Amino acid sequence: MNGILIEPKDMNELKFIHDLLERIGVKHSKLDVEELEDIALGMMMLESDSKEDNELVGEDEVLKLLRS
């Protein structure tokens, strides 16, 4: 199954999108920053596993990429 990630510009837009998804019956979840970072880290780990030249990267570099 595929999904979509939407980053609203403010709380009003978040509420609008949430209410719209509720109205049309689309399953959805609100994620906080830590949960988004966990997902991004998992994706980076999967990508790293698929590369032949696995190079170690420091925690600071990972966090910098996740927050950009």
Protein backbone atom coordinates (compact mmCIF):
# COMPACT_ATOMS: atom_id res chain seq x y z
CA MET A 1 0.00 0.00 0.00
CA ASN A 2 1.18 3.52 -0.76
CA GLY A 3 0.56 6.62 1.30
CA ILE A 4 0.88 10.37 1.16
CA LEU A 5 2.50 12.82 3.54
CA ILE A 6 1.08 16.34 3.72
CA GLU A 7 2.74 19.16 5.64
CA PRO A 8 0.20 21.91 6.35
CA LYS A 9 1.50 25.47 6.54
CA ASP A 10 -0.41 26.27 9.75
CA MET A 11 -2.94 24.91 12.27
CA ASN A 12 -5.93 26.18 10.27
CA GLU A 13 -4.80 24.26 7.20
CA LEU A 14 -4.14 21.17 9.36
CA LYS A 15 -7.68 21.33 10.74
CA PHE A 16 -9.13 21.84 7.25
CA ILE A 17 -7.28 18.82 5.83
CA HIS A 18 -8.15 16.69 8.87
CA ASP A 19 -11.83 17.59 8.63
CA LEU A 20 -11.86 16.94 4.88
CA LEU A 21 -10.28 13.50 5.30
CA GLU A 22 -12.79 12.69 8.04
CA ARG A 23 -15.69 13.78 5.82
CA ILE A 24 -14.64 11.63 2.87
CA GLY A 25 -13.74 8.66 5.07
CA VAL A 26 -10.00 8.50 4.39
CA LYS A 27 -7.95 6.78 7.10
CA HIS A 28 -5.33 9.22 8.40
CA SER A 29 -3.03 9.94 11.34
CA LYS A 30 -1.47 13.06 12.81
CA LEU A 31 2.28 12.68 13.35
CA ASP A 32 4.51 14.79 15.54
CA VAL A 33 8.07 15.79 14.66
CA GLU A 34 9.62 12.79 16.43
CA GLU A 35 7.39 10.35 14.55
CA LEU A 36 8.26 12.00 11.23
CA GLU A 37 11.96 11.79 12.10
CA ASP A 38 11.56 8.09 12.93
CA ILE A 39 9.94 7.44 9.55
CA ALA A 40 12.64 9.40 7.72
CA LEU A 41 15.38 7.56 9.62
CA GLY A 42 13.82 4.21 8.70
CA MET A 43 13.69 5.22 5.05
CA MET A 44 17.33 6.31 5.17
CA MET A 45 18.30 2.99 6.77
CA LEU A 46 16.51 1.05 4.04
CA GLU A 47 18.22 3.14 1.39
CA SER A 48 21.59 2.61 3.08
CA ASP A 49 21.06 -1.16 3.21
CA SER A 50 20.51 -1.23 -0.54
CA LYS A 51 23.80 0.53 -1.33
CA GLU A 52 26.99 -1.46 -1.79
CA ASP A 53 29.35 1.14 -0.35
CA ASN A 54 27.83 1.45 3.13
CA GLU A 55 29.56 4.46 4.68
CA LEU A 56 29.02 5.30 8.35
CA VAL A 57 27.39 8.67 8.98
CA GLY A 58 27.40 10.56 12.26
CA GLU A 59 24.27 11.24 14.30
CA ASP A 60 24.61 15.01 13.79
CA GLU A 61 24.57 14.58 10.01
CA VAL A 62 21.48 12.36 10.17
CA LEU A 63 19.58 14.81 12.40
CA LYS A 64 20.61 17.73 10.17
CA LEU A 65 19.20 15.92 7.11
CA LEU A 66 16.00 14.96 8.91
CA ARG A 67 15.31 18.51 10.04
CA SER A 68 16.00 20.16 6.68
